[in-house]
């Protein structure tokens, strides 16, 4: 997702297209799970191994070189998916591919490829270490074995918004169970002052509707 925060911006800039072919660090069997790995970690490492070997086309569609929205295209199948990057950990990011929506791993080959390319940019490690900081606030779905709705305050979030968010989200930014069914009230009460922006993504609303 795009950002106009105050943190240092590493290269590349907006709309830069990149390809990569980083060799896999581990040779993990696709058919036999190693005894030392849990099932989820085995599946996660398989995607890590495969994703780093691909030659996808990556295009930044936002204003920030790392914490942004990207389009990733497979040149062989010509299929394109949307990627949203918020961090390095499983569950931080989003991909519109079918595998990501059902694997409950919080990652996929497309996210792996995107992160591997971004980590090649100057200053990327420091930017990831500092964490995603954007002027706008956002409500997004955290993917994993358990899906959770999260709130992240932007750097320009007014005090009124922070107070309201504390009523619906806990200290970790997770939507409280007792407020899932009345989440729409939070959206209806969001205050926008001095140009403050709150983004709520479509997969959040789909998740809430299915509860």
N, C-alpha and C. Protein backbone atom coordinates (compact mmCIF):
# COMPACT_ATOMS: atom_id res chain seq x y z
N UNK A 1 0.83 -1.19 0.00
CA UNK A 1 0.00 0.00 0.00
C UNK A 1 0.87 1.24 0.00
N UNK A 2 0.30 2.31 -0.52
CA UNK A 2 1.09 3.51 -0.67
C UNK A 2 1.23 4.24 0.64
N UNK A 3 2.24 5.04 0.73
CA UNK A 3 2.50 5.79 1.95
C UNK A 3 3.21 7.08 1.61
N UNK A 4 2.91 8.10 2.36
CA UNK A 4 3.61 9.36 2.21
C UNK A 4 4.18 9.78 3.56
N UNK A 5 4.62 8.77 4.31
CA UNK A 5 5.13 9.00 5.66
C UNK A 5 6.48 9.67 5.63
N UNK A 6 7.03 9.84 6.80
CA UNK A 6 8.27 10.58 6.94
C UNK A 6 9.50 9.70 6.86
N UNK A 7 9.33 8.38 6.81
CA UNK A 7 10.49 7.52 6.82
C UNK A 7 11.26 7.64 5.51
N UNK A 8 12.56 7.26 5.55
CA UNK A 8 13.39 7.34 4.36
C UNK A 8 12.88 6.38 3.31
N UNK A 9 12.89 6.82 2.06
CA UNK A 9 12.40 6.00 0.97
C UNK A 9 13.56 5.41 0.19
N UNK A 10 13.73 4.08 0.25
CA UNK A 10 14.77 3.46 -0.56
C UNK A 10 14.31 3.37 -2.01
N UNK A 11 15.23 3.09 -2.91
CA UNK A 11 14.87 2.86 -4.29
C UNK A 11 14.46 1.42 -4.45
N UNK A 12 13.67 0.98 -5.46
CA UNK A 12 13.28 1.73 -6.62
C UNK A 12 12.07 2.62 -6.40
N UNK A 13 11.76 3.49 -7.37
CA UNK A 13 10.65 4.41 -7.26
C UNK A 13 9.38 3.79 -7.82
N UNK A 14 8.32 4.60 -7.80
CA UNK A 14 7.01 4.17 -8.26
C UNK A 14 7.05 3.67 -9.69
N UNK A 15 6.26 2.61 -9.95
CA UNK A 15 6.05 2.03 -11.27
C UNK A 15 7.29 1.35 -11.83
N UNK A 16 8.30 1.08 -10.98
CA UNK A 16 9.46 0.34 -11.43
C UNK A 16 9.09 -1.12 -11.59
N UNK A 17 9.44 -1.72 -12.72
CA UNK A 17 9.17 -3.13 -12.96
C UNK A 17 10.46 -3.91 -12.74
N UNK A 18 10.35 -5.02 -12.03
CA UNK A 18 11.54 -5.81 -11.75
C UNK A 18 11.26 -7.27 -12.01
N UNK A 19 12.30 -8.02 -12.25
CA UNK A 19 12.22 -9.47 -12.33
C UNK A 19 13.35 -10.03 -11.51
N UNK A 20 13.24 -11.27 -11.10
CA UNK A 20 14.31 -11.83 -10.29
C UNK A 20 14.35 -13.33 -10.38
N UNK A 21 15.47 -13.90 -10.01
CA UNK A 21 15.64 -15.35 -10.04
C UNK A 21 16.60 -15.74 -8.93
N UNK A 22 16.16 -15.57 -7.68
CA UNK A 22 16.99 -15.87 -6.53
C UNK A 22 16.94 -17.35 -6.22
N UNK A 23 18.08 -18.04 -6.15
CA UNK A 23 18.06 -19.48 -5.89
C UNK A 23 17.52 -19.80 -4.51
N UNK A 24 16.87 -20.93 -4.41
CA UNK A 24 16.29 -21.35 -3.13
C UNK A 24 17.39 -21.66 -2.13
N UNK A 25 17.15 -21.30 -0.86
CA UNK A 25 18.13 -21.58 0.18
C UNK A 25 18.08 -23.04 0.61
N UNK A 26 16.88 -23.64 0.53
CA UNK A 26 16.71 -25.00 0.97
C UNK A 26 16.06 -25.83 -0.13
N UNK A 27 16.41 -27.11 -0.17
CA UNK A 27 15.76 -28.02 -1.09
C UNK A 27 14.77 -28.86 -0.29
N UNK A 28 13.53 -28.42 -0.30
CA UNK A 28 12.49 -29.09 0.47
C UNK A 28 11.67 -29.97 -0.47
N UNK A 29 11.43 -31.20 -0.07
CA UNK A 29 10.63 -32.11 -0.88
C UNK A 29 9.19 -31.63 -0.96
N UNK A 30 8.62 -31.68 -2.16
CA UNK A 30 7.22 -31.28 -2.35
C UNK A 30 6.27 -32.41 -2.00
N UNK A 31 6.77 -33.62 -1.88
CA UNK A 31 5.90 -34.78 -1.66
C UNK A 31 6.07 -35.43 -0.29
N UNK A 32 7.21 -35.18 0.38
CA UNK A 32 7.45 -35.80 1.68
C UNK A 32 7.85 -34.72 2.69
N UNK A 33 7.05 -34.60 3.74
CA UNK A 33 7.32 -33.60 4.77
C UNK A 33 8.51 -34.03 5.63
N UNK A 34 9.52 -33.18 5.77
CA UNK A 34 10.64 -33.49 6.68
C UNK A 34 10.13 -33.66 8.11
N UNK A 35 10.69 -34.60 8.83
CA UNK A 35 10.22 -34.89 10.18
C UNK A 35 10.42 -33.71 11.13
N UNK A 36 11.41 -32.87 10.85
CA UNK A 36 11.72 -31.77 11.76
C UNK A 36 10.84 -30.54 11.53
N UNK A 37 9.93 -30.60 10.55
CA UNK A 37 9.08 -29.46 10.25
C UNK A 37 7.62 -29.78 10.56
N UNK A 38 6.92 -28.80 11.15
CA UNK A 38 5.48 -28.91 11.29
C UNK A 38 4.84 -28.73 9.91
N UNK A 39 3.60 -29.20 9.77
CA UNK A 39 2.94 -29.16 8.47
C UNK A 39 2.88 -27.75 7.89
N UNK A 40 2.48 -26.77 8.73
CA UNK A 40 2.34 -25.40 8.24
C UNK A 40 3.68 -24.83 7.80
N UNK A 41 4.74 -25.11 8.58
CA UNK A 41 6.05 -24.58 8.23
C UNK A 41 6.58 -25.24 6.97
N UNK A 42 6.30 -26.52 6.78
CA UNK A 42 6.70 -27.22 5.55
C UNK A 42 6.06 -26.56 4.33
N UNK A 43 4.75 -26.31 4.42
CA UNK A 43 4.04 -25.69 3.31
C UNK A 43 4.53 -24.26 3.07
N UNK A 44 4.85 -23.56 4.15
CA UNK A 44 5.36 -22.19 4.02
C UNK A 44 6.72 -22.18 3.33
N UNK A 45 7.59 -23.13 3.71
CA UNK A 45 8.92 -23.19 3.10
C UNK A 45 8.87 -23.63 1.64
N UNK A 46 7.90 -24.47 1.30
CA UNK A 46 7.73 -24.84 -0.11
C UNK A 46 7.41 -23.62 -0.96
N UNK A 47 6.56 -22.76 -0.45
CA UNK A 47 6.22 -21.54 -1.19
C UNK A 47 7.39 -20.58 -1.22
N UNK A 48 8.16 -20.55 -0.14
CA UNK A 48 9.37 -19.72 -0.11
C UNK A 48 10.35 -20.20 -1.17
N UNK A 49 10.55 -21.49 -1.22
CA UNK A 49 11.50 -22.08 -2.17
C UNK A 49 11.07 -21.82 -3.61
N UNK A 50 9.79 -22.02 -3.88
CA UNK A 50 9.28 -21.87 -5.25
C UNK A 50 9.23 -20.39 -5.66
N UNK A 51 8.74 -19.55 -4.76
CA UNK A 51 8.57 -18.14 -5.10
C UNK A 51 9.87 -17.44 -5.42
N UNK A 52 10.94 -17.78 -4.71
CA UNK A 52 12.23 -17.12 -4.93
C UNK A 52 12.86 -17.52 -6.26
N UNK A 53 12.38 -18.59 -6.88
CA UNK A 53 12.95 -19.06 -8.14
C UNK A 53 12.22 -18.52 -9.36
N UNK A 54 11.13 -17.79 -9.14
CA UNK A 54 10.31 -17.36 -10.26
C UNK A 54 10.85 -16.09 -10.94
N UNK A 55 10.32 -15.82 -12.12
CA UNK A 55 10.69 -14.64 -12.89
C UNK A 55 9.43 -13.83 -13.22
N UNK A 56 8.72 -13.47 -12.17
CA UNK A 56 7.51 -12.69 -12.34
C UNK A 56 7.84 -11.24 -12.66
N UNK A 57 6.85 -10.53 -13.18
CA UNK A 57 6.97 -9.09 -13.40
C UNK A 57 6.25 -8.38 -12.26
N UNK A 58 6.93 -7.45 -11.63
CA UNK A 58 6.39 -6.75 -10.46
C UNK A 58 6.30 -5.26 -10.75
N UNK A 59 5.13 -4.69 -10.50
CA UNK A 59 4.93 -3.26 -10.73
C UNK A 59 4.33 -2.59 -9.49
N UNK A 60 4.98 -1.55 -9.03
CA UNK A 60 4.52 -0.80 -7.87
C UNK A 60 3.43 0.18 -8.32
N UNK A 61 2.25 0.08 -7.71
CA UNK A 61 1.14 0.95 -8.09
C UNK A 61 0.88 2.05 -7.06
N UNK A 62 1.72 2.14 -6.05
CA UNK A 62 1.52 3.15 -5.02
C UNK A 62 2.60 4.20 -5.01
N UNK A 63 2.67 4.96 -3.92
CA UNK A 63 3.62 6.07 -3.80
C UNK A 63 4.86 5.71 -3.01
N UNK A 64 4.81 4.61 -2.24
CA UNK A 64 5.96 4.22 -1.43
C UNK A 64 6.64 3.02 -2.08
N UNK A 65 7.98 2.98 -2.08
CA UNK A 65 8.68 1.90 -2.77
C UNK A 65 8.56 0.53 -2.12
N UNK A 66 8.14 0.46 -0.86
CA UNK A 66 8.04 -0.84 -0.18
C UNK A 66 6.63 -1.09 0.36
N UNK A 67 6.16 -0.23 1.25
CA UNK A 67 4.83 -0.42 1.84
C UNK A 67 3.80 0.14 0.88
N UNK A 68 3.37 -0.71 -0.05
CA UNK A 68 2.59 -0.23 -1.18
C UNK A 68 1.74 -1.35 -1.75
N UNK A 69 0.95 -1.02 -2.77
CA UNK A 69 0.22 -2.01 -3.56
C UNK A 69 1.03 -2.32 -4.81
N UNK A 70 1.07 -3.60 -5.16
CA UNK A 70 1.82 -4.04 -6.33
C UNK A 70 0.93 -4.92 -7.21
N UNK A 71 1.26 -4.95 -8.49
CA UNK A 71 0.67 -5.92 -9.41
C UNK A 71 1.78 -6.89 -9.80
N UNK A 72 1.50 -8.18 -9.68
CA UNK A 72 2.48 -9.20 -10.01
C UNK A 72 1.91 -10.06 -11.13
N UNK A 73 2.70 -10.26 -12.18
CA UNK A 73 2.23 -10.96 -13.37
C UNK A 73 3.15 -12.13 -13.71
N UNK A 74 2.54 -13.27 -13.96
CA UNK A 74 3.26 -14.44 -14.44
C UNK A 74 3.37 -14.33 -15.96
N UNK A 75 4.57 -14.15 -16.52
CA UNK A 75 4.70 -13.95 -17.96
C UNK A 75 4.28 -15.17 -18.79
N UNK A 76 4.25 -16.35 -18.17
CA UNK A 76 3.85 -17.55 -18.90
C UNK A 76 2.33 -17.69 -18.96
N UNK A 77 1.67 -17.54 -17.81
CA UNK A 77 0.21 -17.68 -17.78
C UNK A 77 -0.51 -16.37 -18.06
N UNK A 78 0.22 -15.24 -17.94
CA UNK A 78 -0.35 -13.90 -18.10
C UNK A 78 -1.38 -13.56 -17.02
N UNK A 79 -1.37 -14.31 -15.93
CA UNK A 79 -2.26 -14.00 -14.81
C UNK A 79 -1.62 -12.93 -13.93
N UNK A 80 -2.44 -11.99 -13.49
CA UNK A 80 -1.97 -10.88 -12.66
C UNK A 80 -2.74 -10.85 -11.35
N UNK A 81 -2.02 -10.63 -10.24
CA UNK A 81 -2.64 -10.56 -8.93
C UNK A 81 -2.20 -9.29 -8.22
N UNK A 82 -3.02 -8.88 -7.26
CA UNK A 82 -2.72 -7.69 -6.47
C UNK A 82 -2.02 -8.11 -5.18
N UNK A 83 -0.96 -7.39 -4.85
CA UNK A 83 -0.19 -7.63 -3.62
C UNK A 83 -0.24 -6.36 -2.77
N UNK A 84 -0.42 -6.52 -1.47
CA UNK A 84 -0.31 -5.40 -0.53
C UNK A 84 0.76 -5.77 0.49
N UNK A 85 1.79 -4.94 0.61
CA UNK A 85 2.91 -5.23 1.51
C UNK A 85 2.85 -4.32 2.73
N UNK A 86 2.84 -4.95 3.93
CA UNK A 86 2.84 -4.22 5.20
C UNK A 86 3.98 -4.64 6.11
N UNK A 87 4.65 -5.76 5.80
CA UNK A 87 5.72 -6.23 6.67
C UNK A 87 6.30 -7.52 6.14
N UNK A 88 7.15 -8.16 6.96
CA UNK A 88 7.83 -9.38 6.55
C UNK A 88 7.19 -10.64 7.11
N UNK A 89 6.45 -10.53 8.20
CA UNK A 89 5.94 -11.71 8.90
C UNK A 89 4.74 -12.31 8.18
N UNK A 90 4.55 -13.63 8.30
CA UNK A 90 3.35 -14.27 7.75
C UNK A 90 2.09 -13.61 8.31
N UNK A 91 1.15 -13.29 7.43
CA UNK A 91 -0.08 -12.64 7.85
C UNK A 91 -0.07 -11.14 7.69
N UNK A 92 1.11 -10.54 7.55
CA UNK A 92 1.19 -9.08 7.41
C UNK A 92 0.63 -8.60 6.08
N UNK A 93 0.81 -9.41 5.05
CA UNK A 93 0.56 -8.96 3.69
C UNK A 93 -0.68 -9.61 3.08
N UNK A 94 -0.96 -9.23 1.84
CA UNK A 94 -2.15 -9.73 1.16
C UNK A 94 -1.83 -10.02 -0.30
N UNK A 95 -2.43 -11.09 -0.83
CA UNK A 95 -2.36 -11.39 -2.25
C UNK A 95 -3.74 -11.85 -2.70
N UNK A 96 -4.13 -11.46 -3.90
CA UNK A 96 -5.46 -11.81 -4.40
C UNK A 96 -5.50 -13.17 -5.09
N UNK A 97 -4.39 -13.93 -5.04
CA UNK A 97 -4.38 -15.24 -5.70
C UNK A 97 -5.22 -16.25 -4.92
N UNK A 98 -5.73 -17.29 -5.59
CA UNK A 98 -6.56 -18.29 -4.91
C UNK A 98 -5.84 -19.03 -3.79
N UNK A 99 -4.56 -19.33 -3.97
CA UNK A 99 -3.82 -20.07 -2.95
C UNK A 99 -3.78 -19.30 -1.63
N UNK A 100 -3.51 -18.00 -1.70
CA UNK A 100 -3.42 -17.21 -0.47
C UNK A 100 -4.73 -17.21 0.30
N UNK A 101 -5.84 -17.19 -0.42
CA UNK A 101 -7.14 -17.08 0.24
C UNK A 101 -7.55 -18.34 0.99
N UNK A 102 -6.92 -19.49 0.68
CA UNK A 102 -7.36 -20.74 1.30
C UNK A 102 -6.28 -21.48 2.07
N UNK A 103 -5.00 -21.10 1.93
CA UNK A 103 -3.94 -21.93 2.54
C UNK A 103 -3.74 -21.69 4.03
N UNK A 104 -4.27 -20.58 4.57
CA UNK A 104 -4.15 -20.26 6.00
C UNK A 104 -2.71 -20.16 6.48
N UNK A 105 -1.80 -19.84 5.57
CA UNK A 105 -0.38 -19.72 5.92
C UNK A 105 0.06 -18.26 6.07
N UNK A 106 -0.75 -17.35 5.56
CA UNK A 106 -0.38 -15.94 5.62
C UNK A 106 0.67 -15.54 4.61
N UNK A 107 0.91 -16.41 3.62
CA UNK A 107 1.88 -16.10 2.57
C UNK A 107 1.55 -16.91 1.34
N UNK A 108 2.27 -16.65 0.25
CA UNK A 108 2.12 -17.41 -0.99
C UNK A 108 3.36 -17.14 -1.83
N UNK A 109 3.48 -17.82 -2.95
CA UNK A 109 4.66 -17.66 -3.80
C UNK A 109 4.81 -16.23 -4.31
N UNK A 110 3.69 -15.54 -4.51
CA UNK A 110 3.73 -14.17 -5.04
C UNK A 110 4.24 -13.18 -3.98
N UNK A 111 3.81 -13.36 -2.74
CA UNK A 111 4.31 -12.52 -1.66
C UNK A 111 5.79 -12.78 -1.44
N UNK A 112 6.18 -14.06 -1.48
CA UNK A 112 7.60 -14.41 -1.33
C UNK A 112 8.44 -13.72 -2.39
N UNK A 113 8.00 -13.80 -3.64
CA UNK A 113 8.75 -13.17 -4.72
C UNK A 113 8.84 -11.66 -4.51
N UNK A 114 7.72 -11.04 -4.15
CA UNK A 114 7.70 -9.60 -3.95
C UNK A 114 8.66 -9.17 -2.85
N UNK A 115 8.61 -9.86 -1.71
CA UNK A 115 9.51 -9.52 -0.61
C UNK A 115 10.97 -9.73 -1.00
N UNK A 116 11.25 -10.79 -1.74
CA UNK A 116 12.64 -11.06 -2.14
C UNK A 116 13.17 -9.95 -3.04
N UNK A 117 12.32 -9.39 -3.88
CA UNK A 117 12.74 -8.30 -4.75
C UNK A 117 12.91 -7.00 -3.96
N UNK A 118 11.99 -6.74 -3.05
CA UNK A 118 12.06 -5.51 -2.26
C UNK A 118 13.29 -5.50 -1.35
N UNK A 119 13.67 -6.67 -0.85
CA UNK A 119 14.83 -6.73 0.04
C UNK A 119 16.14 -6.43 -0.69
N UNK A 120 16.11 -6.40 -2.00
CA UNK A 120 17.31 -6.07 -2.77
C UNK A 120 17.53 -4.56 -2.88
N UNK A 121 16.51 -3.77 -2.52
CA UNK A 121 16.63 -2.32 -2.65
C UNK A 121 17.44 -1.74 -1.50
N UNK A 122 18.13 -0.67 -1.77
CA UNK A 122 18.97 -0.02 -0.76
C UNK A 122 18.13 0.48 0.41
N UNK A 123 18.51 0.10 1.61
CA UNK A 123 17.82 0.57 2.81
C UNK A 123 16.58 -0.21 3.18
N UNK A 124 16.27 -1.29 2.44
CA UNK A 124 15.03 -2.02 2.68
C UNK A 124 14.98 -2.67 4.06
N UNK A 125 16.09 -3.25 4.50
CA UNK A 125 16.10 -3.93 5.80
C UNK A 125 15.76 -2.95 6.93
N UNK A 126 16.29 -1.75 6.85
CA UNK A 126 16.02 -0.75 7.88
C UNK A 126 14.56 -0.31 7.85
N UNK A 127 14.01 -0.16 6.65
CA UNK A 127 12.61 0.24 6.52
C UNK A 127 11.70 -0.83 7.10
N UNK A 128 11.97 -2.10 6.81
CA UNK A 128 11.17 -3.18 7.38
C UNK A 128 11.33 -3.24 8.90
N UNK A 129 12.53 -2.98 9.38
CA UNK A 129 12.77 -3.02 10.82
C UNK A 129 11.95 -1.96 11.55
N UNK A 130 11.84 -0.78 10.96
CA UNK A 130 11.07 0.30 11.57
C UNK A 130 9.57 0.03 11.50
N UNK A 131 9.15 -0.76 10.52
CA UNK A 131 7.74 -1.11 10.41
C UNK A 131 6.99 -0.18 9.48
N UNK A 132 5.81 -0.65 9.10
CA UNK A 132 4.96 0.10 8.18
C UNK A 132 4.38 1.33 8.87
N UNK A 133 4.69 2.50 8.33
CA UNK A 133 4.18 3.75 8.89
C UNK A 133 3.62 4.59 7.74
N UNK A 134 2.33 4.81 7.77
CA UNK A 134 1.68 5.59 6.73
C UNK A 134 0.88 6.71 7.38
N UNK A 135 0.61 7.79 6.66
CA UNK A 135 -0.19 8.88 7.23
C UNK A 135 -1.64 8.48 7.45
N UNK A 136 -2.15 7.53 6.68
CA UNK A 136 -3.53 7.08 6.82
C UNK A 136 -3.62 5.90 7.78
N UNK A 137 -4.78 5.74 8.40
CA UNK A 137 -5.06 4.57 9.24
C UNK A 137 -5.72 3.51 8.38
N UNK A 138 -5.68 2.26 8.84
CA UNK A 138 -6.30 1.20 8.05
C UNK A 138 -6.85 0.09 8.92
N UNK A 139 -7.89 -0.55 8.40
CA UNK A 139 -8.47 -1.75 8.98
C UNK A 139 -8.28 -2.85 7.95
N UNK A 140 -7.57 -3.92 8.33
CA UNK A 140 -7.26 -4.97 7.37
C UNK A 140 -7.40 -6.34 8.01
N UNK A 141 -7.43 -7.37 7.17
CA UNK A 141 -7.58 -8.74 7.64
C UNK A 141 -6.22 -9.40 7.72
N UNK A 142 -5.88 -9.91 8.90
CA UNK A 142 -4.63 -10.63 9.11
C UNK A 142 -4.87 -12.11 8.83
N UNK A 143 -4.10 -12.68 7.89
CA UNK A 143 -4.31 -14.05 7.45
C UNK A 143 -3.39 -15.02 8.18
N UNK A 144 -3.92 -16.20 8.47
CA UNK A 144 -3.16 -17.25 9.15
C UNK A 144 -4.11 -18.36 9.52
N UNK A 145 -3.69 -19.22 10.46
CA UNK A 145 -4.58 -20.29 10.91
C UNK A 145 -5.86 -19.71 11.48
N UNK A 146 -5.75 -18.52 12.08
CA UNK A 146 -6.92 -17.79 12.55
C UNK A 146 -6.90 -16.41 11.92
N UNK A 147 -7.97 -16.07 11.22
CA UNK A 147 -8.03 -14.76 10.59
C UNK A 147 -8.56 -13.73 11.59
N UNK A 148 -7.93 -12.57 11.58
CA UNK A 148 -8.26 -11.54 12.55
C UNK A 148 -8.32 -10.18 11.88
N UNK A 149 -9.29 -9.39 12.30
CA UNK A 149 -9.41 -8.02 11.80
C UNK A 149 -8.54 -7.12 12.67
N UNK A 150 -7.70 -6.33 12.03
CA UNK A 150 -6.76 -5.48 12.75
C UNK A 150 -6.94 -4.01 12.38
N UNK A 151 -6.62 -3.16 13.34
CA UNK A 151 -6.59 -1.72 13.12
C UNK A 151 -5.17 -1.22 13.32
N UNK A 152 -4.69 -0.42 12.37
CA UNK A 152 -3.38 0.20 12.50
C UNK A 152 -3.54 1.69 12.33
N UNK A 153 -3.16 2.43 13.36
CA UNK A 153 -3.31 3.88 13.33
C UNK A 153 -2.25 4.51 12.45
N UNK A 154 -2.65 5.47 11.65
CA UNK A 154 -1.71 6.21 10.83
C UNK A 154 -0.99 7.28 11.64
N UNK A 155 0.07 7.81 11.07
CA UNK A 155 0.86 8.82 11.78
C UNK A 155 0.09 10.12 11.98
N UNK A 156 -0.98 10.33 11.20
CA UNK A 156 -1.76 11.56 11.31
C UNK A 156 -3.13 11.32 11.94
N UNK A 157 -3.31 10.17 12.58
CA UNK A 157 -4.61 9.85 13.18
C UNK A 157 -4.93 10.80 14.32
N UNK A 158 -6.11 11.43 14.31
CA UNK A 158 -6.49 12.36 15.39
C UNK A 158 -6.83 11.61 16.67
N UNK A 159 -6.81 12.30 17.78
CA UNK A 159 -7.08 11.69 19.09
C UNK A 159 -8.47 11.07 19.13
N UNK A 160 -9.44 11.70 18.46
CA UNK A 160 -10.81 11.19 18.47
C UNK A 160 -10.88 9.80 17.84
N UNK A 161 -10.14 9.59 16.77
CA UNK A 161 -10.13 8.29 16.10
C UNK A 161 -9.47 7.24 16.99
N UNK A 162 -8.38 7.59 17.64
CA UNK A 162 -7.68 6.64 18.51
C UNK A 162 -8.57 6.23 19.68
N UNK A 163 -9.30 7.18 20.23
CA UNK A 163 -10.21 6.87 21.34
C UNK A 163 -11.32 5.94 20.88
N UNK A 164 -11.87 6.20 19.70
CA UNK A 164 -12.92 5.34 19.16
C UNK A 164 -12.38 3.93 18.89
N UNK A 165 -11.19 3.84 18.33
CA UNK A 165 -10.61 2.53 18.01
C UNK A 165 -10.38 1.70 19.26
N UNK A 166 -10.03 2.33 20.36
CA UNK A 166 -9.79 1.61 21.61
C UNK A 166 -11.05 0.92 22.13
N UNK A 167 -12.20 1.41 21.74
CA UNK A 167 -13.45 0.80 22.16
C UNK A 167 -13.71 -0.52 21.42
N UNK A 168 -13.21 -0.62 20.19
CA UNK A 168 -13.50 -1.78 19.35
C UNK A 168 -12.31 -2.73 19.20
N UNK A 169 -11.10 -2.22 19.38
CA UNK A 169 -9.89 -3.03 19.18
C UNK A 169 -9.07 -3.07 20.46
N UNK A 170 -8.38 -4.20 20.70
CA UNK A 170 -7.58 -4.32 21.91
C UNK A 170 -6.22 -3.64 21.74
N UNK A 171 -5.35 -3.80 22.73
CA UNK A 171 -4.06 -3.10 22.71
C UNK A 171 -3.14 -3.58 21.59
N UNK A 172 -3.43 -4.77 21.03
CA UNK A 172 -2.65 -5.28 19.90
C UNK A 172 -3.26 -4.90 18.55
N UNK A 173 -4.36 -4.17 18.60
CA UNK A 173 -5.01 -3.76 17.36
C UNK A 173 -5.98 -4.78 16.81
N UNK A 174 -6.34 -5.81 17.60
CA UNK A 174 -7.26 -6.85 17.15
C UNK A 174 -8.70 -6.47 17.48
N UNK A 175 -9.59 -6.71 16.54
CA UNK A 175 -11.00 -6.45 16.77
C UNK A 175 -11.52 -7.35 17.88
N UNK A 176 -12.14 -6.77 18.89
CA UNK A 176 -12.65 -7.55 20.02
C UNK A 176 -13.81 -8.43 19.55
N UNK A 177 -13.86 -9.66 20.07
CA UNK A 177 -14.89 -10.61 19.66
C UNK A 177 -16.29 -10.05 19.87
N UNK A 178 -16.49 -9.33 20.96
CA UNK A 178 -17.83 -8.82 21.26
C UNK A 178 -18.27 -7.70 20.33
N UNK A 179 -17.34 -7.22 19.48
CA UNK A 179 -17.70 -6.12 18.58
C UNK A 179 -17.71 -6.55 17.11
N UNK A 180 -17.58 -7.84 16.85
CA UNK A 180 -17.59 -8.29 15.46
C UNK A 180 -18.94 -7.99 14.80
N UNK A 181 -20.02 -8.28 15.50
CA UNK A 181 -21.34 -8.10 14.90
C UNK A 181 -21.76 -6.64 14.79
N UNK A 182 -21.16 -5.77 15.60
CA UNK A 182 -21.51 -4.35 15.48
C UNK A 182 -20.33 -3.54 14.93
N UNK A 183 -19.48 -4.21 14.15
CA UNK A 183 -18.34 -3.54 13.53
C UNK A 183 -18.79 -2.39 12.63
N UNK A 184 -19.98 -2.55 12.03
CA UNK A 184 -20.49 -1.50 11.14
C UNK A 184 -20.67 -0.18 11.88
N UNK A 185 -20.89 -0.25 13.19
CA UNK A 185 -21.03 0.98 13.96
C UNK A 185 -19.71 1.74 14.05
N UNK A 186 -18.62 0.97 14.13
CA UNK A 186 -17.31 1.61 14.12
C UNK A 186 -17.09 2.36 12.81
N UNK A 187 -17.40 1.68 11.71
CA UNK A 187 -17.23 2.33 10.40
C UNK A 187 -18.10 3.57 10.29
N UNK A 188 -19.33 3.47 10.81
CA UNK A 188 -20.23 4.61 10.73
C UNK A 188 -19.82 5.77 11.62
N UNK A 189 -18.98 5.48 12.62
CA UNK A 189 -18.58 6.52 13.58
C UNK A 189 -17.20 7.10 13.29
N UNK A 190 -16.54 6.58 12.27
CA UNK A 190 -15.18 7.05 11.97
C UNK A 190 -15.19 8.55 11.70
N UNK A 191 -14.30 9.23 12.38
CA UNK A 191 -14.19 10.67 12.21
C UNK A 191 -13.07 10.99 11.23
N UNK A 192 -13.34 11.87 10.31
CA UNK A 192 -12.30 12.35 9.40
C UNK A 192 -12.13 13.84 9.65
N UNK A 193 -11.01 14.17 10.23
CA UNK A 193 -10.72 15.57 10.53
C UNK A 193 -9.36 15.93 9.95
N UNK A 194 -9.28 17.13 9.42
CA UNK A 194 -8.02 17.63 8.85
C UNK A 194 -7.47 16.68 7.78
N UNK A 195 -8.39 16.09 7.01
CA UNK A 195 -7.96 15.24 5.90
C UNK A 195 -7.54 13.85 6.31
N UNK A 196 -7.75 13.44 7.58
CA UNK A 196 -7.36 12.10 8.00
C UNK A 196 -8.13 11.06 7.20
N UNK A 197 -7.47 9.97 6.86
CA UNK A 197 -8.06 8.92 6.04
C UNK A 197 -7.98 7.59 6.76
N UNK A 198 -9.08 6.83 6.71
CA UNK A 198 -9.12 5.47 7.24
C UNK A 198 -9.52 4.54 6.11
N UNK A 199 -8.68 3.55 5.83
CA UNK A 199 -8.95 2.61 4.76
C UNK A 199 -9.42 1.28 5.35
N UNK A 200 -10.54 0.79 4.84
CA UNK A 200 -11.05 -0.52 5.25
C UNK A 200 -11.17 -1.35 3.98
N UNK A 201 -10.51 -2.51 3.95
CA UNK A 201 -10.39 -3.27 2.72
C UNK A 201 -11.54 -4.26 2.54
N UNK A 202 -11.79 -4.62 1.29
CA UNK A 202 -12.94 -5.44 0.94
C UNK A 202 -12.95 -6.79 1.64
N UNK A 203 -11.77 -7.40 1.83
CA UNK A 203 -11.76 -8.72 2.45
C UNK A 203 -12.19 -8.66 3.91
N UNK A 204 -12.02 -7.49 4.55
CA UNK A 204 -12.52 -7.31 5.91
C UNK A 204 -14.04 -7.42 5.93
N UNK A 205 -14.68 -6.71 5.01
CA UNK A 205 -16.14 -6.71 4.97
C UNK A 205 -16.68 -8.10 4.61
N UNK A 206 -15.98 -8.81 3.73
CA UNK A 206 -16.40 -10.17 3.38
C UNK A 206 -16.30 -11.09 4.60
N UNK A 207 -15.21 -10.96 5.34
CA UNK A 207 -15.01 -11.78 6.54
C UNK A 207 -16.09 -11.49 7.58
N UNK A 208 -16.38 -10.22 7.81
CA UNK A 208 -17.40 -9.84 8.79
C UNK A 208 -18.77 -10.37 8.37
N UNK A 209 -19.08 -10.28 7.08
CA UNK A 209 -20.38 -10.72 6.58
C UNK A 209 -20.58 -12.22 6.73
N UNK A 210 -19.47 -12.97 6.72
CA UNK A 210 -19.56 -14.43 6.82
C UNK A 210 -19.64 -14.93 8.25
N UNK A 211 -19.44 -14.05 9.21
CA UNK A 211 -19.48 -14.46 10.62
C UNK A 211 -20.92 -14.67 11.10
